Amino acid sequence: MGNPMRIRANASGDTVEVKVLIRHDMETGQRKDAAGKAVPAHFIQTLVAKCKDKVVLDAEMGTSVSKDPFLSFKFK
């Protein structure tokens, strides 16, 4: 499958902008397959980003996040 995340970070002065594309199906558990069976829930629940062992992003996600989510955030 390769790396499920593509990450780019650019520093400008004392601010860093991070862009992350995460390859993930993000199944809610509410969809049914062709045979009519429920597809089990499988989605990103937490995301933690660190820089030099310091947490710069701590996010909780749910079923409403789209497939292959793209995140962008800045930190100092």
Foldseek 3Di string as FASTA:
>chain_A
DPDQKDKDWDDDPPKIKIKIWGADQLFQQDDADPVRHTDHGDHDAWDWDDDPNHTPDIDGDHSVAHGRDMDMDMDD
